[in-house]
Amino acid sequence: MINPGIAHWVRIKNGKIIADGEVLFSSEADIAKFLKASFKFLNIKYPKFHKMDRLSKLGFIASEILLKNTKVSEDTALVFSNKNSSLDSDQNYQESIKDFPSPSLFVYTLPNIVLGEISIRFNLKSENVFFIEDELNADLLMDYAEQLMESEKANKVVCGWLNLHNIEYDVFLWLNTESLKKEASVKQIRKIYDADYD
C-alpha cells in the first residue's frame, strides 16, 4: 500500500500567497488586481493567462508556484474540488446574454476547465477530476490520489481545494508523491488548511 507524501503546498487566501509556510506575496487589492499583481510578481510569460476566468487564474497561479521547482512528468494527475463550481463564470456569462452571449465567457462555464489550463501549461496527459463538495474533503482527495498512484496511473498527484465566490477566494493545493518518506495524512492536510496565516 502506497502512503503518498505531501511534497509541497500552496495557500492563496485573503490577499496572501503562502508556499510551504512562507508568505511569498501579499496585497490588499481586490481580486482582479490581486490576480494581475500575482502574475506580474511571478514573472511568468504566458499571454493566455489574461483571457482566463478568475477561477482558472487562481488555479494557474497556485500550480505555477507549487510545481516551480518540481520535475513534472506528463502523467502527473490533478484532483481538485470546490463548493461553488464555476458559478463566478456562470454569472458573468448569464449577464452577457442580456446583450450578446460571450463565447469567451461560455468556455469557462465548467469548473474542470482550470484542469485543462494547468494541463496545457505543464504538458500533462494525465488523469484529472474535479469534485463539487460543501467543504474541503481531504479524505476523498487523498484516497483518490492514493488509488491513482497504486494503479500506476500517476506518480505524482496535485490535489486541492479551489473555491471562488464573488470576491472571496480560497485556494489550497498540495503535491502528493509516492517517493516521499514523509507520510501525508488527512490530519496534516487539515492542519495546514485550517492554519491562520494573518
C-alpha atoms as a PDB file:
ATOM      1  CA  MET A   1       0.000   0.000   0.000  1.00  0.00           C
ATOM      2  CA  ILE A   2       1.390   3.387  -1.025  1.00  0.00           C
ATOM      3  CA  ASN A   3       1.326   6.198   1.526  1.00  0.00           C
ATOM      4  CA  PRO A   4       1.522   9.348  -0.543  1.00  0.00           C
ATOM      5  CA  GLY A   5       3.658  12.084   0.975  1.00  0.00           C
ATOM      6  CA  ILE A   6       2.990  15.774   0.685  1.00  0.00           C
ATOM      7  CA  ALA A   7       5.923  17.344  -1.153  1.00  0.00           C
ATOM      8  CA  HIS A   8       4.830  20.974  -1.343  1.00  0.00           C
ATOM      9  CA  TRP A   9       1.725  23.071  -0.707  1.00  0.00           C
ATOM     10  CA  VAL A  10       0.346  26.484  -1.667  1.00  0.00           C
ATOM     11  CA  ARG A  11      -2.340  28.530   0.066  1.00  0.00           C
ATOM     12  CA  ILE A  12      -3.976  31.608  -1.506  1.00  0.00           C
ATOM     13  CA  LYS A  13      -6.466  33.488   0.627  1.00  0.00           C
ATOM     14  CA  ASN A  14      -7.121  36.985   1.972  1.00  0.00           C
ATOM     15  CA  GLY A  15      -4.622  38.657  -0.325  1.00  0.00           C
ATOM     16  CA  LYS A  16      -1.751  36.308   0.509  1.00  0.00           C
ATOM     17  CA  ILE A  17       0.144  33.602  -1.309  1.00  0.00           C
ATOM     18  CA  ILE A  18       1.826  31.191   1.090  1.00  0.00           C
ATOM     19  CA  ALA A  19       4.037  28.325  -0.075  1.00  0.00           C
ATOM     20  CA  ASP A  20       5.284  25.675   2.345  1.00  0.00           C
ATOM     21  CA  GLY A  21       4.640  28.068   5.248  1.00  0.00           C
ATOM     22  CA  GLU A  22       6.386  31.103   3.744  1.00  0.00           C
ATOM     23  CA  VAL A  23       4.483  34.209   2.624  1.00  0.00           C
ATOM     24  CA  LEU A  24       5.600  34.811  -0.962  1.00  0.00           C
ATOM     25  CA  PHE A  25       3.299  37.675  -1.874  1.00  0.00           C
ATOM     26  CA  SER A  26       0.621  39.822  -0.259  1.00  0.00           C
ATOM     27  CA  SER A  27      -1.659  42.565  -1.454  1.00  0.00           C
ATOM     28  CA  GLU A  28      -4.781  44.285  -0.182  1.00  0.00           C
ATOM     29  CA  ALA A  29      -6.079  44.853  -3.715  1.00  0.00           C
ATOM     30  CA  ASP A  30      -9.407  43.475  -4.951  1.00  0.00           C
ATOM     31  CA  ILE A  31      -9.347  40.053  -6.592  1.00  0.00           C
ATOM     32  CA  ALA A  32      -8.855  41.316 -10.161  1.00  0.00           C
ATOM     33  CA  LYS A  33      -5.871  43.477  -9.183  1.00  0.00           C
ATOM     34  CA  PHE A  34      -4.555  40.777  -6.840  1.00  0.00           C
ATOM     35  CA  LEU A  35      -4.515  38.220  -9.673  1.00  0.00           C
ATOM     36  CA  LYS A  36      -2.822  40.633 -12.051  1.00  0.00           C
ATOM     37  CA  ALA A  37      -0.210  41.642  -9.448  1.00  0.00           C
ATOM     38  CA  SER A  38       0.438  37.994  -8.511  1.00  0.00           C
ATOM     39  CA  PHE A  39       1.010  37.066 -12.138  1.00  0.00           C
ATOM     40  CA  LYS A  40       3.383  40.002 -12.575  1.00  0.00           C
ATOM     41  CA  PHE A  41       5.213  39.130  -9.329  1.00  0.00           C
ATOM     42  CA  LEU A  42       5.794  35.573 -10.555  1.00  0.00           C
ATOM     43  CA  ASN A  43       7.302  36.991 -13.769  1.00  0.00           C
ATOM     44  CA  ILE A  44       5.545  34.467 -15.983  1.00  0.00           C
ATOM     45  CA  LYS A  45       5.439  34.924 -19.736  1.00  0.00           C
ATOM     46  CA  TYR A  46       2.091  33.374 -20.631  1.00  0.00           C
ATOM     47  CA  PRO A  47      -0.248  35.715 -22.571  1.00  0.00           C
ATOM     48  CA  LYS A  48      -3.185  33.276 -22.408  1.00  0.00           C
ATOM     49  CA  PHE A  49      -3.415  33.962 -18.651  1.00  0.00           C
ATOM     50  CA  HIS A  50      -5.154  37.286 -19.293  1.00  0.00           C
ATOM     51  CA  LYS A  51      -8.004  35.563 -21.175  1.00  0.00           C
ATOM     52  CA  MET A  52      -8.748  33.050 -18.397  1.00  0.00           C
ATOM     53  CA  ASP A  53     -11.603  33.348 -15.940  1.00  0.00           C
ATOM     54  CA  ARG A  54     -10.773  34.130 -12.309  1.00  0.00           C
ATOM     55  CA  LEU A  55     -11.055  30.509 -11.122  1.00  0.00           C
ATOM     56  CA  SER A  56      -8.567  29.392 -13.764  1.00  0.00           C
ATOM     57  CA  LYS A  57      -6.233  32.268 -12.910  1.00  0.00           C
ATOM     58  CA  LEU A  58      -6.237  31.216  -9.243  1.00  0.00           C
ATOM     59  CA  GLY A  59      -5.525  27.595 -10.151  1.00  0.00           C
ATOM     60  CA  PHE A  60      -2.872  28.607 -12.658  1.00  0.00           C
ATOM     61  CA  ILE A  61      -1.001  30.814 -10.160  1.00  0.00           C
ATOM     62  CA  ALA A  62      -1.197  28.198  -7.393  1.00  0.00           C
ATOM     63  CA  SER A  63       0.010  25.366  -9.649  1.00  0.00           C
ATOM     64  CA  GLU A  64       2.782  27.545 -11.074  1.00  0.00           C
ATOM     65  CA  ILE A  65       4.140  28.094  -7.559  1.00  0.00           C
ATOM     66  CA  LEU A  66       3.523  24.501  -6.457  1.00  0.00           C
ATOM     67  CA  LEU A  67       5.310  22.930  -9.425  1.00  0.00           C
ATOM     68  CA  LYS A  68       8.010  25.560  -9.991  1.00  0.00           C
ATOM     69  CA  ASN A  69      10.937  23.509  -8.710  1.00  0.00           C
ATOM     70  CA  THR A  70       9.450  20.079  -9.338  1.00  0.00           C
ATOM     71  CA  LYS A  71      10.125  17.759 -12.232  1.00  0.00           C
ATOM     72  CA  VAL A  72       6.664  17.230 -13.654  1.00  0.00           C
ATOM     73  CA  SER A  73       6.014  14.274 -15.954  1.00  0.00           C
ATOM     74  CA  GLU A  74       3.055  14.055 -18.288  1.00  0.00           C
ATOM     75  CA  ASP A  75       1.386  11.503 -16.006  1.00  0.00           C
ATOM     76  CA  THR A  76       1.120  13.892 -13.047  1.00  0.00           C
ATOM     77  CA  ALA A  77      -2.576  13.773 -12.150  1.00  0.00           C
ATOM     78  CA  LEU A  78      -4.886  16.576 -10.996  1.00  0.00           C
ATOM     79  CA  VAL A  79      -7.560  16.015  -8.326  1.00  0.00           C
ATOM     80  CA  PHE A  80      -9.420  19.210  -7.393  1.00  0.00           C
ATOM     81  CA  SER A  81     -12.616  20.206  -5.646  1.00  0.00           C
ATOM     82  CA  ASN A  82     -14.632  23.239  -4.629  1.00  0.00           C
ATOM     83  CA  LYS A  83     -18.031  24.309  -3.361  1.00  0.00           C
ATOM     84  CA  ASN A  84     -19.195  26.808  -5.964  1.00  0.00           C
ATOM     85  CA  SER A  85     -18.314  25.016  -9.196  1.00  0.00           C
ATOM     86  CA  SER A  86     -17.913  27.641 -11.959  1.00  0.00           C
ATOM     87  CA  LEU A  87     -20.590  29.946 -10.516  1.00  0.00           C
ATOM     88  CA  ASP A  88     -18.445  33.063 -10.967  1.00  0.00           C
ATOM     89  CA  SER A  89     -18.148  32.482 -14.727  1.00  0.00           C
ATOM     90  CA  ASP A  90     -21.738  31.265 -14.969  1.00  0.00           C
ATOM     91  CA  GLN A  91     -22.999  34.563 -13.526  1.00  0.00           C
ATOM     92  CA  ASN A  92     -20.769  36.604 -15.840  1.00  0.00           C
ATOM     93  CA  TYR A  93     -21.985  34.593 -18.824  1.00  0.00           C
ATOM     94  CA  GLN A  94     -25.622  34.995 -17.754  1.00  0.00           C
ATOM     95  CA  GLU A  95     -25.080  38.742 -17.597  1.00  0.00           C
ATOM     96  CA  SER A  96     -23.543  38.745 -21.092  1.00  0.00           C
ATOM     97  CA  ILE A  97     -26.578  37.110 -22.733  1.00  0.00           C
ATOM     98  CA  LYS A  98     -28.672  40.191 -21.986  1.00  0.00           C
ATOM     99  CA  ASP A  99     -26.895  41.811 -24.931  1.00  0.00           C
ATOM    100  CA  PHE A 100     -24.953  39.202 -26.859  1.00  0.00           C
ATOM    101  CA  PRO A 101     -23.730  35.855 -25.449  1.00  0.00           C
ATOM    102  CA  SER A 102     -19.978  35.842 -24.948  1.00  0.00           C
ATOM    103  CA  PRO A 103     -18.272  32.693 -26.296  1.00  0.00           C
ATOM    104  CA  SER A 104     -15.115  33.607 -24.363  1.00  0.00           C
ATOM    105  CA  LEU A 105     -17.105  33.507 -21.096  1.00  0.00           C
ATOM    106  CA  PHE A 106     -19.056  30.383 -22.083  1.00  0.00           C
ATOM    107  CA  VAL A 107     -15.774  28.444 -22.391  1.00  0.00           C
ATOM    108  CA  TYR A 108     -15.285  28.755 -18.626  1.00  0.00           C
ATOM    109  CA  THR A 109     -18.743  27.629 -17.512  1.00  0.00           C
ATOM    110  CA  LEU A 110     -17.407  24.293 -16.251  1.00  0.00           C
ATOM    111  CA  PRO A 111     -15.140  24.067 -13.184  1.00  0.00           C
ATOM    112  CA  ASN A 112     -12.843  21.492 -14.771  1.00  0.00           C
ATOM    113  CA  ILE A 113     -11.638  23.982 -17.398  1.00  0.00           C
ATOM    114  CA  VAL A 114      -8.952  25.032 -14.912  1.00  0.00           C
ATOM    115  CA  LEU A 115      -7.612  21.475 -15.083  1.00  0.00           C
ATOM    116  CA  GLY A 116      -7.273  21.873 -18.833  1.00  0.00           C
ATOM    117  CA  GLU A 117      -5.442  25.183 -18.439  1.00  0.00           C
ATOM    118  CA  ILE A 118      -2.978  23.626 -15.975  1.00  0.00           C
ATOM    119  CA  SER A 119      -2.558  20.560 -18.194  1.00  0.00           C
ATOM    120  CA  ILE A 120      -1.726  22.732 -21.197  1.00  0.00           C
ATOM    121  CA  ARG A 121       0.759  24.789 -19.181  1.00  0.00           C
ATOM    122  CA  PHE A 122       2.635  21.729 -17.876  1.00  0.00           C
ATOM    123  CA  ASN A 123       2.027  19.393 -20.835  1.00  0.00           C
ATOM    124  CA  LEU A 124       0.081  16.908 -18.703  1.00  0.00           C
ATOM    125  CA  LYS A 125      -1.691  13.983 -20.353  1.00  0.00           C
ATOM    126  CA  SER A 126      -2.961  12.582 -17.128  1.00  0.00           C
ATOM    127  CA  GLU A 127      -5.999  11.615 -15.155  1.00  0.00           C
ATOM    128  CA  ASN A 128      -7.910  14.578 -13.776  1.00  0.00           C
ATOM    129  CA  VAL A 129     -11.121  15.088 -11.877  1.00  0.00           C
ATOM    130  CA  PHE A 130     -12.991  17.981 -10.273  1.00  0.00           C
ATOM    131  CA  PHE A 131     -15.374  17.226  -7.394  1.00  0.00           C
ATOM    132  CA  ILE A 132     -18.051  19.538  -6.017  1.00  0.00           C
ATOM    133  CA  GLU A 133     -18.205  19.323  -2.216  1.00  0.00           C
ATOM    134  CA  ASP A 134     -19.594  21.547   0.557  1.00  0.00           C
ATOM    135  CA  GLU A 135     -16.119  21.880   2.068  1.00  0.00           C
ATOM    136  CA  LEU A 136     -12.594  20.548   1.678  1.00  0.00           C
ATOM    137  CA  ASN A 137     -12.896  16.763   1.819  1.00  0.00           C
ATOM    138  CA  ALA A 138      -9.275  15.754   2.371  1.00  0.00           C
ATOM    139  CA  ASP A 139     -10.244  12.087   2.806  1.00  0.00           C
ATOM    140  CA  LEU A 140     -11.739  11.935  -0.678  1.00  0.00           C
ATOM    141  CA  LEU A 141      -8.833  13.726  -2.348  1.00  0.00           C
ATOM    142  CA  MET A 142      -6.167  11.675  -0.554  1.00  0.00           C
ATOM    143  CA  ASP A 143      -7.977   8.386  -1.272  1.00  0.00           C
ATOM    144  CA  TYR A 144      -8.320   9.279  -4.936  1.00  0.00           C
ATOM    145  CA  ALA A 145      -4.635  10.264  -5.162  1.00  0.00           C
ATOM    146  CA  GLU A 146      -3.622   7.019  -3.490  1.00  0.00           C
ATOM    147  CA  GLN A 147      -5.703   4.970  -5.942  1.00  0.00           C
ATOM    148  CA  LEU A 148      -4.110   6.738  -8.915  1.00  0.00           C
ATOM    149  CA  MET A 149      -0.617   6.022  -7.619  1.00  0.00           C
ATOM    150  CA  GLU A 150      -1.364   2.437  -6.602  1.00  0.00           C
ATOM    151  CA  SER A 151      -2.780   1.706 -10.057  1.00  0.00           C
ATOM    152  CA  GLU A 152       0.321   3.366 -11.575  1.00  0.00           C
ATOM    153  CA  LYS A 153      -1.793   5.875 -13.468  1.00  0.00           C
ATOM    154  CA  ALA A 154       0.241   8.651 -11.829  1.00  0.00           C
ATOM    155  CA  ASN A 155       3.482   9.013  -9.914  1.00  0.00           C
ATOM    156  CA  LYS A 156       2.548  12.459  -8.604  1.00  0.00           C
ATOM    157  CA  VAL A 157      -0.862  13.995  -7.899  1.00  0.00           C
ATOM    158  CA  VAL A 158      -1.709  17.659  -7.447  1.00  0.00           C
ATOM    159  CA  CYS A 159      -4.657  17.774  -5.060  1.00  0.00           C
ATOM    160  CA  GLY A 160      -6.593  20.702  -3.809  1.00  0.00           C
ATOM    161  CA  TRP A 161      -9.420  22.999  -2.961  1.00  0.00           C
ATOM    162  CA  LEU A 162     -10.004  25.817  -5.434  1.00  0.00           C
ATOM    163  CA  ASN A 163     -13.037  27.869  -4.480  1.00  0.00           C
ATOM    164  CA  LEU A 164     -14.240  31.254  -5.675  1.00  0.00           C
ATOM    165  CA  HIS A 165     -17.453  33.046  -4.767  1.00  0.00           C
ATOM    166  CA  ASN A 166     -17.921  36.688  -5.723  1.00  0.00           C
ATOM    167  CA  ILE A 167     -14.832  38.411  -4.306  1.00  0.00           C
ATOM    168  CA  GLU A 168     -13.893  35.643  -1.859  1.00  0.00           C
ATOM    169  CA  TYR A 169     -11.311  33.075  -2.898  1.00  0.00           C
ATOM    170  CA  ASP A 170      -9.916  30.105  -1.022  1.00  0.00           C
ATOM    171  CA  VAL A 171      -7.151  28.052  -2.629  1.00  0.00           C
ATOM    172  CA  PHE A 172      -5.146  25.193  -1.181  1.00  0.00           C
ATOM    173  CA  LEU A 173      -3.123  22.923  -3.463  1.00  0.00           C
ATOM    174  CA  TRP A 174      -0.645  20.274  -2.423  1.00  0.00           C
ATOM    175  CA  LEU A 175       1.574  17.814  -4.245  1.00  0.00           C
ATOM    176  CA  ASN A 176       1.405  14.122  -3.370  1.00  0.00           C
ATOM    177  CA  THR A 177       4.217  11.837  -4.407  1.00  0.00           C
ATOM    178  CA  GLU A 178       4.829   8.166  -3.709  1.00  0.00           C
ATOM    179  CA  SER A 179       8.600   8.622  -3.390  1.00  0.00           C
ATOM    180  CA  LEU A 180       8.499  10.783  -0.267  1.00  0.00           C
ATOM    181  CA  LYS A 181       9.221   9.141   3.050  1.00  0.00           C
ATOM    182  CA  LYS A 182       7.108  11.689   4.907  1.00  0.00           C
ATOM    183  CA  GLU A 183       3.572  10.382   5.021  1.00  0.00           C
ATOM    184  CA  ALA A 184       0.855  12.889   4.291  1.00  0.00           C
ATOM    185  CA  SER A 185      -2.199  12.345   6.394  1.00  0.00           C
ATOM    186  CA  VAL A 186      -5.642  13.874   6.292  1.00  0.00           C
ATOM    187  CA  LYS A 187      -4.866  15.347   9.713  1.00  0.00           C
ATOM    188  CA  GLN A 188      -1.758  17.095   8.313  1.00  0.00           C
ATOM    189  CA  ILE A 189      -3.731  18.416   5.342  1.00  0.00           C
ATOM    190  CA  ARG A 190      -6.447  19.817   7.610  1.00  0.00           C
ATOM    191  CA  LYS A 191      -3.853  21.400   9.894  1.00  0.00           C
ATOM    192  CA  ILE A 192      -2.227  23.277   7.008  1.00  0.00           C
ATOM    193  CA  TYR A 193      -5.591  24.267   5.540  1.00  0.00           C
ATOM    194  CA  ASP A 194      -7.051  25.487   8.851  1.00  0.00           C
ATOM    195  CA  ALA A 195      -3.972  27.433   9.994  1.00  0.00           C
ATOM    196  CA  ASP A 196      -4.350  31.183  10.470  1.00  0.00           C
ATOM    197  CA  TYR A 197      -1.913  32.961   8.160  1.00  0.00           C
ATOM    198  CA  ASP A 198      -2.860  36.529   9.134  1.00  0.00           C
END
